[in-house]
Amino acid sequence: GSFVSGLVKSLLGRIGLSLMFRYHKTQQWTKGKKLLDTLNVLNVNYSMLKGLFAGESSVSRCRIISMAAEVFLSCGGVEGALSLMK
């Protein structure tokens, strides 16, 4: 039911967030954009989640959104960055 799908989305979001942190750190912008596009298609609200690993749990929502926007902008994804900021 909806609980299971919510649990799956939460887990996918946390995994995705951890991957986004890695892609941002290593400046793998194309991989990061593909990941964020996929999370958006799946309607995963990753900005409200925490990453899987200890160091990622202290990252603020503002920082997550800034990092995602930077990934979009580094790939020329102005629309993705703008929709993220809304």
PDB file of N, CA and C in Angstrom:
ATOM      1  N   GLY A   1       0.819  -1.201   0.000  1.00  0.00           N
ATOM      2  CA  GLY A   1       0.000   0.000   0.000  1.00  0.00           C
ATOM      3  C   GLY A   1       0.851   1.249   0.000  1.00  0.00           C
ATOM      4  N   SER A   2       0.256   2.319   0.472  1.00  0.00           N
ATOM      5  CA  SER A   2       0.946   3.601   0.444  1.00  0.00           C
ATOM      6  C   SER A   2       2.093   3.654   1.454  1.00  0.00           C
ATOM      7  N   PHE A   3       1.980   2.904   2.569  1.00  0.00           N
ATOM      8  CA  PHE A   3       3.078   2.868   3.536  1.00  0.00           C
ATOM      9  C   PHE A   3       4.328   2.279   2.901  1.00  0.00           C
ATOM     10  N   VAL A   4       4.160   1.177   2.164  1.00  0.00           N
ATOM     11  CA  VAL A   4       5.297   0.522   1.517  1.00  0.00           C
ATOM     12  C   VAL A   4       5.897   1.441   0.466  1.00  0.00           C
ATOM     13  N   SER A   5       5.048   2.068  -0.344  1.00  0.00           N
ATOM     14  CA  SER A   5       5.595   2.948  -1.376  1.00  0.00           C
ATOM     15  C   SER A   5       6.281   4.148  -0.738  1.00  0.00           C
ATOM     16  N   GLY A   6       5.757   4.644   0.387  1.00  0.00           N
ATOM     17  CA  GLY A   6       6.408   5.745   1.094  1.00  0.00           C
ATOM     18  C   GLY A   6       7.754   5.334   1.648  1.00  0.00           C
ATOM     19  N   LEU A   7       7.820   4.103   2.173  1.00  0.00           N
ATOM     20  CA  LEU A   7       9.066   3.572   2.705  1.00  0.00           C
ATOM     21  C   LEU A   7      10.100   3.401   1.594  1.00  0.00           C
ATOM     22  N   VAL A   8       9.659   2.884   0.453  1.00  0.00           N
ATOM     23  CA  VAL A   8      10.559   2.698  -0.692  1.00  0.00           C
ATOM     24  C   VAL A   8      11.061   4.050  -1.191  1.00  0.00           C
ATOM     25  N   LYS A   9      10.163   5.034  -1.305  1.00  0.00           N
ATOM     26  CA  LYS A   9      10.581   6.373  -1.749  1.00  0.00           C
ATOM     27  C   LYS A   9      11.573   6.990  -0.779  1.00  0.00           C
ATOM     28  N   SER A  10      11.338   6.793   0.509  1.00  0.00           N
ATOM     29  CA  SER A  10      12.261   7.324   1.513  1.00  0.00           C
ATOM     30  C   SER A  10      13.638   6.686   1.380  1.00  0.00           C
ATOM     31  N   LEU A  11      13.679   5.375   1.217  1.00  0.00           N
ATOM     32  CA  LEU A  11      14.956   4.677   1.071  1.00  0.00           C
ATOM     33  C   LEU A  11      15.660   5.092  -0.220  1.00  0.00           C
ATOM     34  N   LEU A  12      14.914   5.149  -1.318  1.00  0.00           N
ATOM     35  CA  LEU A  12      15.500   5.601  -2.589  1.00  0.00           C
ATOM     36  C   LEU A  12      16.023   7.022  -2.465  1.00  0.00           C
ATOM     37  N   GLY A  13      15.276   7.868  -1.772  1.00  0.00           N
ATOM     38  CA  GLY A  13      15.695   9.257  -1.583  1.00  0.00           C
ATOM     39  C   GLY A  13      16.972   9.358  -0.774  1.00  0.00           C
ATOM     40  N   ARG A  14      17.083   8.563   0.273  1.00  0.00           N
ATOM     41  CA  ARG A  14      18.290   8.599   1.113  1.00  0.00           C
ATOM     42  C   ARG A  14      19.504   8.079   0.350  1.00  0.00           C
ATOM     43  N   ILE A  15      19.309   7.006  -0.425  1.00  0.00           N
ATOM     44  CA  ILE A  15      20.398   6.491  -1.258  1.00  0.00           C
ATOM     45  C   ILE A  15      20.776   7.540  -2.304  1.00  0.00           C
ATOM     46  N   GLY A  16      19.764   8.113  -2.947  1.00  0.00           N
ATOM     47  CA  GLY A  16      20.001   9.141  -3.961  1.00  0.00           C
ATOM     48  C   GLY A  16      20.727  10.347  -3.400  1.00  0.00           C
ATOM     49  N   LEU A  17      20.353  10.753  -2.199  1.00  0.00           N
ATOM     50  CA  LEU A  17      21.000  11.892  -1.561  1.00  0.00           C
ATOM     51  C   LEU A  17      22.478  11.604  -1.295  1.00  0.00           C
ATOM     52  N   SER A  18      22.763  10.404  -0.808  1.00  0.00           N
ATOM     53  CA  SER A  18      24.159  10.023  -0.571  1.00  0.00           C
ATOM     54  C   SER A  18      24.956  10.029  -1.876  1.00  0.00           C
ATOM     55  N   LEU A  19      24.339   9.528  -2.945  1.00  0.00           N
ATOM     56  CA  LEU A  19      25.003   9.556  -4.259  1.00  0.00           C
ATOM     57  C   LEU A  19      25.201  10.992  -4.732  1.00  0.00           C
ATOM     58  N   MET A  20      24.186  11.847  -4.521  1.00  0.00           N
ATOM     59  CA  MET A  20      24.320  13.242  -4.952  1.00  0.00           C
ATOM     60  C   MET A  20      25.479  13.918  -4.221  1.00  0.00           C
ATOM     61  N   PHE A  21      25.620  13.659  -2.920  1.00  0.00           N
ATOM     62  CA  PHE A  21      26.740  14.244  -2.180  1.00  0.00           C
ATOM     63  C   PHE A  21      28.063  13.832  -2.817  1.00  0.00           C
ATOM     64  N   ARG A  22      28.168  12.552  -3.167  1.00  0.00           N
ATOM     65  CA  ARG A  22      29.400  12.039  -3.768  1.00  0.00           C
ATOM     66  C   ARG A  22      29.638  12.678  -5.137  1.00  0.00           C
ATOM     67  N   TYR A  23      28.588  12.721  -5.974  1.00  0.00           N
ATOM     68  CA  TYR A  23      28.738  13.303  -7.311  1.00  0.00           C
ATOM     69  C   TYR A  23      29.081  14.786  -7.223  1.00  0.00           C
ATOM     70  N   HIS A  24      28.500  15.488  -6.269  1.00  0.00           N
ATOM     71  CA  HIS A  24      28.798  16.913  -6.099  1.00  0.00           C
ATOM     72  C   HIS A  24      30.254  17.086  -5.673  1.00  0.00           C
ATOM     73  N   LYS A  25      30.682  16.293  -4.722  1.00  0.00           N
ATOM     74  CA  LYS A  25      32.054  16.392  -4.207  1.00  0.00           C
ATOM     75  C   LYS A  25      33.088  16.116  -5.297  1.00  0.00           C
ATOM     76  N   THR A  26      32.794  15.143  -6.166  1.00  0.00           N
ATOM     77  CA  THR A  26      33.736  14.758  -7.223  1.00  0.00           C
ATOM     78  C   THR A  26      33.441  15.469  -8.552  1.00  0.00           C
ATOM     79  N   GLN A  27      32.487  16.392  -8.510  1.00  0.00           N
ATOM     80  CA  GLN A  27      32.092  17.196  -9.679  1.00  0.00           C
ATOM     81  C   GLN A  27      31.693  16.344 -10.885  1.00  0.00           C
ATOM     82  N   GLN A  28      30.989  15.259 -10.611  1.00  0.00           N
ATOM     83  CA  GLN A  28      30.444  14.418 -11.681  1.00  0.00           C
ATOM     84  C   GLN A  28      29.030  14.937 -11.983  1.00  0.00           C
ATOM     85  N   TRP A  29      28.978  16.094 -12.637  1.00  0.00           N
ATOM     86  CA  TRP A  29      27.722  16.825 -12.821  1.00  0.00           C
ATOM     87  C   TRP A  29      26.698  16.053 -13.626  1.00  0.00           C
ATOM     88  N   THR A  30      27.117  15.388 -14.696  1.00  0.00           N
ATOM     89  CA  THR A  30      26.172  14.659 -15.555  1.00  0.00           C
ATOM     90  C   THR A  30      25.510  13.519 -14.787  1.00  0.00           C
ATOM     91  N   LYS A  31      26.301  12.771 -14.040  1.00  0.00           N
ATOM     92  CA  LYS A  31      25.728  11.688 -13.234  1.00  0.00           C
ATOM     93  C   LYS A  31      24.778  12.257 -12.187  1.00  0.00           C
ATOM     94  N   GLY A  32      25.169  13.358 -11.579  1.00  0.00           N
ATOM     95  CA  GLY A  32      24.321  13.995 -10.572  1.00  0.00           C
ATOM     96  C   GLY A  32      22.996  14.447 -11.149  1.00  0.00           C
ATOM     97  N   LYS A  33      23.035  15.027 -12.354  1.00  0.00           N
ATOM     98  CA  LYS A  33      21.798  15.499 -12.979  1.00  0.00           C
ATOM     99  C   LYS A  33      20.888  14.330 -13.335  1.00  0.00           C
ATOM    100  N   LYS A  34      21.457  13.248 -13.868  1.00  0.00           N
ATOM    101  CA  LYS A  34      20.648  12.063 -14.183  1.00  0.00           C
ATOM    102  C   LYS A  34      19.979  11.522 -12.925  1.00  0.00           C
ATOM    103  N   LEU A  35      20.738  11.491 -11.834  1.00  0.00           N
ATOM    104  CA  LEU A  35      20.201  11.021 -10.564  1.00  0.00           C
ATOM    105  C   LEU A  35      19.048  11.904 -10.091  1.00  0.00           C
ATOM    106  N   LEU A  36      19.247  13.217 -10.112  1.00  0.00           N
ATOM    107  CA  LEU A  36      18.198  14.140  -9.661  1.00  0.00           C
ATOM    108  C   LEU A  36      16.975  14.072 -10.564  1.00  0.00           C
ATOM    109  N   ASP A  37      17.195  13.938 -11.867  1.00  0.00           N
ATOM    110  CA  ASP A  37      16.065  13.788 -12.797  1.00  0.00           C
ATOM    111  C   ASP A  37      15.255  12.543 -12.450  1.00  0.00           C
ATOM    112  N   THR A  38      15.954  11.450 -12.146  1.00  0.00           N
ATOM    113  CA  THR A  38      15.275  10.200 -11.793  1.00  0.00           C
ATOM    114  C   THR A  38      14.487  10.350 -10.499  1.00  0.00           C
ATOM    115  N   LEU A  39      15.090  10.974  -9.487  1.00  0.00           N
ATOM    116  CA  LEU A  39      14.379  11.190  -8.226  1.00  0.00           C
ATOM    117  C   LEU A  39      13.137  12.049  -8.437  1.00  0.00           C
ATOM    118  N   ASN A  40      13.247  13.040  -9.314  1.00  0.00           N
ATOM    119  CA  ASN A  40      12.089  13.898  -9.600  1.00  0.00           C
ATOM    120  C   ASN A  40      10.979  13.128 -10.308  1.00  0.00           C
ATOM    121  N   VAL A  41      11.342  12.273 -11.266  1.00  0.00           N
ATOM    122  CA  VAL A  41      10.352  11.455 -11.971  1.00  0.00           C
ATOM    123  C   VAL A  41       9.624  10.537 -10.992  1.00  0.00           C
ATOM    124  N   LEU A  42      10.356  10.007 -10.011  1.00  0.00           N
ATOM    125  CA  LEU A  42       9.776   9.109  -9.013  1.00  0.00           C
ATOM    126  C   LEU A  42       9.049   9.874  -7.895  1.00  0.00           C
ATOM    127  N   ASN A  43       9.015  11.204  -7.996  1.00  0.00           N
ATOM    128  CA  ASN A  43       8.392  12.056  -6.966  1.00  0.00           C
ATOM    129  C   ASN A  43       8.993  11.837  -5.582  1.00  0.00           C
ATOM    130  N   VAL A  44      10.307  11.705  -5.519  1.00  0.00           N
ATOM    131  CA  VAL A  44      10.993  11.551  -4.241  1.00  0.00           C
ATOM    132  C   VAL A  44      11.426  12.940  -3.770  1.00  0.00           C
ATOM    133  N   ASN A  45      10.932  13.359  -2.622  1.00  0.00           N
ATOM    134  CA  ASN A  45      11.256  14.667  -2.076  1.00  0.00           C
ATOM    135  C   ASN A  45      12.555  14.581  -1.278  1.00  0.00           C
ATOM    136  N   TYR A  46      13.679  14.502  -1.989  1.00  0.00           N
ATOM    137  CA  TYR A  46      14.979  14.273  -1.357  1.00  0.00           C
ATOM    138  C   TYR A  46      15.423  15.422  -0.469  1.00  0.00           C
ATOM    139  N   SER A  47      14.905  16.628  -0.691  1.00  0.00           N
ATOM    140  CA  SER A  47      15.351  17.768   0.122  1.00  0.00           C
ATOM    141  C   SER A  47      14.854  17.671   1.564  1.00  0.00           C
ATOM    142  N   MET A  48      13.895  16.780   1.819  1.00  0.00           N
ATOM    143  CA  MET A  48      13.364  16.611   3.175  1.00  0.00           C
ATOM    144  C   MET A  48      14.001  15.407   3.889  1.00  0.00           C
ATOM    145  N   LEU A  49      14.970  14.753   3.242  1.00  0.00           N
ATOM    146  CA  LEU A  49      15.563  13.539   3.798  1.00  0.00           C
ATOM    147  C   LEU A  49      16.997  13.788   4.256  1.00  0.00           C
ATOM    148  N   LYS A  50      17.557  12.798   4.903  1.00  0.00           N
ATOM    149  CA  LYS A  50      18.965  12.809   5.296  1.00  0.00           C
ATOM    150  C   LYS A  50      19.669  11.697   4.524  1.00  0.00           C
ATOM    151  N   GLY A  51      20.967  11.861   4.315  1.00  0.00           N
ATOM    152  CA  GLY A  51      21.740  10.830   3.639  1.00  0.00           C
ATOM    153  C   GLY A  51      21.871   9.597   4.508  1.00  0.00           C
ATOM    154  N   LEU A  52      22.402   8.543   3.948  1.00  0.00           N
ATOM    155  CA  LEU A  52      22.528   7.264   4.652  1.00  0.00           C
ATOM    156  C   LEU A  52      23.672   7.226   5.653  1.00  0.00           C
ATOM    157  N   PHE A  53      24.687   8.033   5.453  1.00  0.00           N
ATOM    158  CA  PHE A  53      25.901   7.916   6.248  1.00  0.00           C
ATOM    159  C   PHE A  53      25.994   9.009   7.301  1.00  0.00           C
ATOM    160  N   ALA A  54      26.771   8.743   8.341  1.00  0.00           N
ATOM    161  CA  ALA A  54      26.820   9.614   9.523  1.00  0.00           C
ATOM    162  C   ALA A  54      27.142  11.076   9.193  1.00  0.00           C
ATOM    163  N   GLY A  55      28.143  11.317   8.390  1.00  0.00           N
ATOM    164  CA  GLY A  55      28.531  12.693   8.081  1.00  0.00           C
ATOM    165  C   GLY A  55      27.488  13.454   7.290  1.00  0.00           C
ATOM    166  N   GLU A  56      26.562  12.740   6.666  1.00  0.00           N
ATOM    167  CA  GLU A  56      25.558  13.386   5.817  1.00  0.00           C
ATOM    168  C   GLU A  56      24.322  13.812   6.595  1.00  0.00           C
ATOM    169  N   SER A  57      24.162  13.307   7.813  1.00  0.00           N
ATOM    170  CA  SER A  57      22.935  13.597   8.554  1.00  0.00           C
ATOM    171  C   SER A  57      22.885  15.027   9.068  1.00  0.00           C
ATOM    172  N   SER A  58      24.032  15.696   9.100  1.00  0.00           N
ATOM    173  CA  SER A  58      24.051  17.071   9.603  1.00  0.00           C
ATOM    174  C   SER A  58      23.903  18.114   8.491  1.00  0.00           C
ATOM    175  N   VAL A  59      23.791  17.673   7.242  1.00  0.00           N
ATOM    176  CA  VAL A  59      23.660  18.608   6.123  1.00  0.00           C
ATOM    177  C   VAL A  59      22.269  19.235   6.158  1.00  0.00           C
ATOM    178  N   SER A  60      22.220  20.556   6.099  1.00  0.00           N
ATOM    179  CA  SER A  60      20.940  21.263   6.190  1.00  0.00           C
ATOM    180  C   SER A  60      20.149  21.143   4.891  1.00  0.00           C
ATOM    181  N   ARG A  61      18.847  21.343   5.000  1.00  0.00           N
ATOM    182  CA  ARG A  61      17.983  21.310   3.814  1.00  0.00           C
ATOM    183  C   ARG A  61      18.414  22.380   2.813  1.00  0.00           C
ATOM    184  N   CYS A  62      18.792  23.547   3.316  1.00  0.00           N
ATOM    185  CA  CYS A  62      19.253  24.638   2.447  1.00  0.00           C
ATOM    186  C   CYS A  62      20.490  24.205   1.659  1.00  0.00           C
ATOM    187  N   ARG A  63      21.413  23.534   2.315  1.00  0.00           N
ATOM    188  CA  ARG A  63      22.636  23.069   1.641  1.00  0.00           C
ATOM    189  C   ARG A  63      22.317  22.005   0.593  1.00  0.00           C
ATOM    190  N   ILE A  64      21.385  21.098   0.908  1.00  0.00           N
ATOM    191  CA  ILE A  64      20.986  20.069  -0.048  1.00  0.00           C
ATOM    192  C   ILE A  64      20.419  20.719  -1.311  1.00  0.00           C
ATOM    193  N   ILE A  65      19.544  21.695  -1.128  1.00  0.00           N
ATOM    194  CA  ILE A  65      18.939  22.379  -2.271  1.00  0.00           C
ATOM    195  C   ILE A  65      20.000  23.140  -3.063  1.00  0.00           C
ATOM    196  N   SER A  66      20.932  23.786  -2.367  1.00  0.00           N
ATOM    197  CA  SER A  66      22.017  24.510  -3.053  1.00  0.00           C
ATOM    198  C   SER A  66      22.878  23.563  -3.871  1.00  0.00           C
ATOM    199  N   MET A  67      23.199  22.401  -3.301  1.00  0.00           N
ATOM    200  CA  MET A  67      24.019  21.423  -4.021  1.00  0.00           C
ATOM    201  C   MET A  67      23.280  20.899  -5.249  1.00  0.00           C
ATOM    202  N   ALA A  68      21.998  20.589  -5.096  1.00  0.00           N
ATOM    203  CA  ALA A  68      21.214  20.093  -6.231  1.00  0.00           C
ATOM    204  C   ALA A  68      21.116  21.159  -7.322  1.00  0.00           C
ATOM    205  N   ALA A  69      20.904  22.407  -6.926  1.00  0.00           N
ATOM    206  CA  ALA A  69      20.838  23.493  -7.907  1.00  0.00           C
ATOM    207  C   ALA A  69      22.165  23.633  -8.641  1.00  0.00           C
ATOM    208  N   GLU A  70      23.261  23.502  -7.918  1.00  0.00           N
ATOM    209  CA  GLU A  70      24.582  23.584  -8.543  1.00  0.00           C
ATOM    210  C   GLU A  70      24.783  22.456  -9.553  1.00  0.00           C
ATOM    211  N   VAL A  71      24.301  21.256  -9.219  1.00  0.00           N
ATOM    212  CA  VAL A  71      24.390  20.124 -10.153  1.00  0.00           C
ATOM    213  C   VAL A  71      23.615  20.456 -11.429  1.00  0.00           C
ATOM    214  N   PHE A  72      22.372  20.925 -11.270  1.00  0.00           N
ATOM    215  CA  PHE A  72      21.568  21.279 -12.449  1.00  0.00           C
ATOM    216  C   PHE A  72      22.252  22.364 -13.278  1.00  0.00           C
ATOM    217  N   LEU A  73      22.709  23.426 -12.624  1.00  0.00           N
ATOM    218  CA  LEU A  73      23.305  24.552 -13.349  1.00  0.00           C
ATOM    219  C   LEU A  73      24.610  24.156 -14.033  1.00  0.00           C
ATOM    220  N   SER A  74      25.364  23.245 -13.447  1.00  0.00           N
ATOM    221  CA  SER A  74      26.619  22.804 -14.045  1.00  0.00           C
ATOM    222  C   SER A  74      26.397  21.992 -15.315  1.00  0.00           C
ATOM    223  N   CYS A  75      25.165  21.515 -15.494  1.00  0.00           N
ATOM    224  CA  CYS A  75      24.814  20.754 -16.707  1.00  0.00           C
ATOM    225  C   CYS A  75      23.934  21.580 -17.635  1.00  0.00           C
ATOM    226  N   GLY A  76      23.786  22.847 -17.360  1.00  0.00           N
ATOM    227  CA  GLY A  76      22.924  23.693 -18.182  1.00  0.00           C
ATOM    228  C   GLY A  76      21.453  23.480 -17.920  1.00  0.00           C
ATOM    229  N   GLY A  77      21.110  22.885 -16.782  1.00  0.00           N
ATOM    230  CA  GLY A  77      19.712  22.599 -16.447  1.00  0.00           C
ATOM    231  C   GLY A  77      19.068  23.722 -15.667  1.00  0.00           C
ATOM    232  N   VAL A  78      18.913  24.875 -16.320  1.00  0.00           N
ATOM    233  CA  VAL A  78      18.349  26.040 -15.650  1.00  0.00           C
ATOM    234  C   VAL A  78      16.923  25.760 -15.167  1.00  0.00           C
ATOM    235  N   GLU A  79      16.124  25.048 -15.991  1.00  0.00           N
ATOM    236  CA  GLU A  79      14.746  24.738 -15.613  1.00  0.00           C
ATOM    237  C   GLU A  79      14.708  23.884 -14.353  1.00  0.00           C
ATOM    238  N   GLY A  80      15.589  22.892 -14.277  1.00  0.00           N
ATOM    239  CA  GLY A  80      15.639  22.030 -13.097  1.00  0.00           C
ATOM    240  C   GLY A  80      16.008  22.809 -11.854  1.00  0.00           C
ATOM    241  N   ALA A  81      16.958  23.728 -11.986  1.00  0.00           N
ATOM    242  CA  ALA A  81      17.370  24.551 -10.835  1.00  0.00           C
ATOM    243  C   ALA A  81      16.243  25.472 -10.408  1.00  0.00           C
ATOM    244  N   LEU A  82      15.540  26.058 -11.366  1.00  0.00           N
ATOM    245  CA  LEU A  82      14.437  26.966 -11.034  1.00  0.00           C
ATOM    246  C   LEU A  82      13.286  26.228 -10.363  1.00  0.00           C
ATOM    247  N   SER A  83      12.934  25.054 -10.868  1.00  0.00           N
ATOM    248  CA  SER A  83      11.826  24.308 -10.256  1.00  0.00           C
ATOM    249  C   SER A  83      12.212  23.835  -8.857  1.00  0.00           C
ATOM    250  N   LEU A  84      13.489  23.551  -8.644  1.00  0.00           N
ATOM    251  CA  LEU A  84      13.978  23.165  -7.328  1.00  0.00           C
ATOM    252  C   LEU A  84      13.842  24.313  -6.339  1.00  0.00           C
ATOM    253  N   MET A  85      14.089  25.526  -6.791  1.00  0.00           N
ATOM    254  CA  MET A  85      14.021  26.678  -5.909  1.00  0.00           C
ATOM    255  C   MET A  85      12.593  27.086  -5.531  1.00  0.00           C
ATOM    256  N   LYS A  86      11.618  26.591  -6.286  1.00  0.00           N
ATOM    257  CA  LYS A  86      10.219  26.966  -6.011  1.00  0.00           C
ATOM    258  C   LYS A  86       9.704  26.338  -4.800  1.00  0.00           C
TER     259      LYS A  86
END
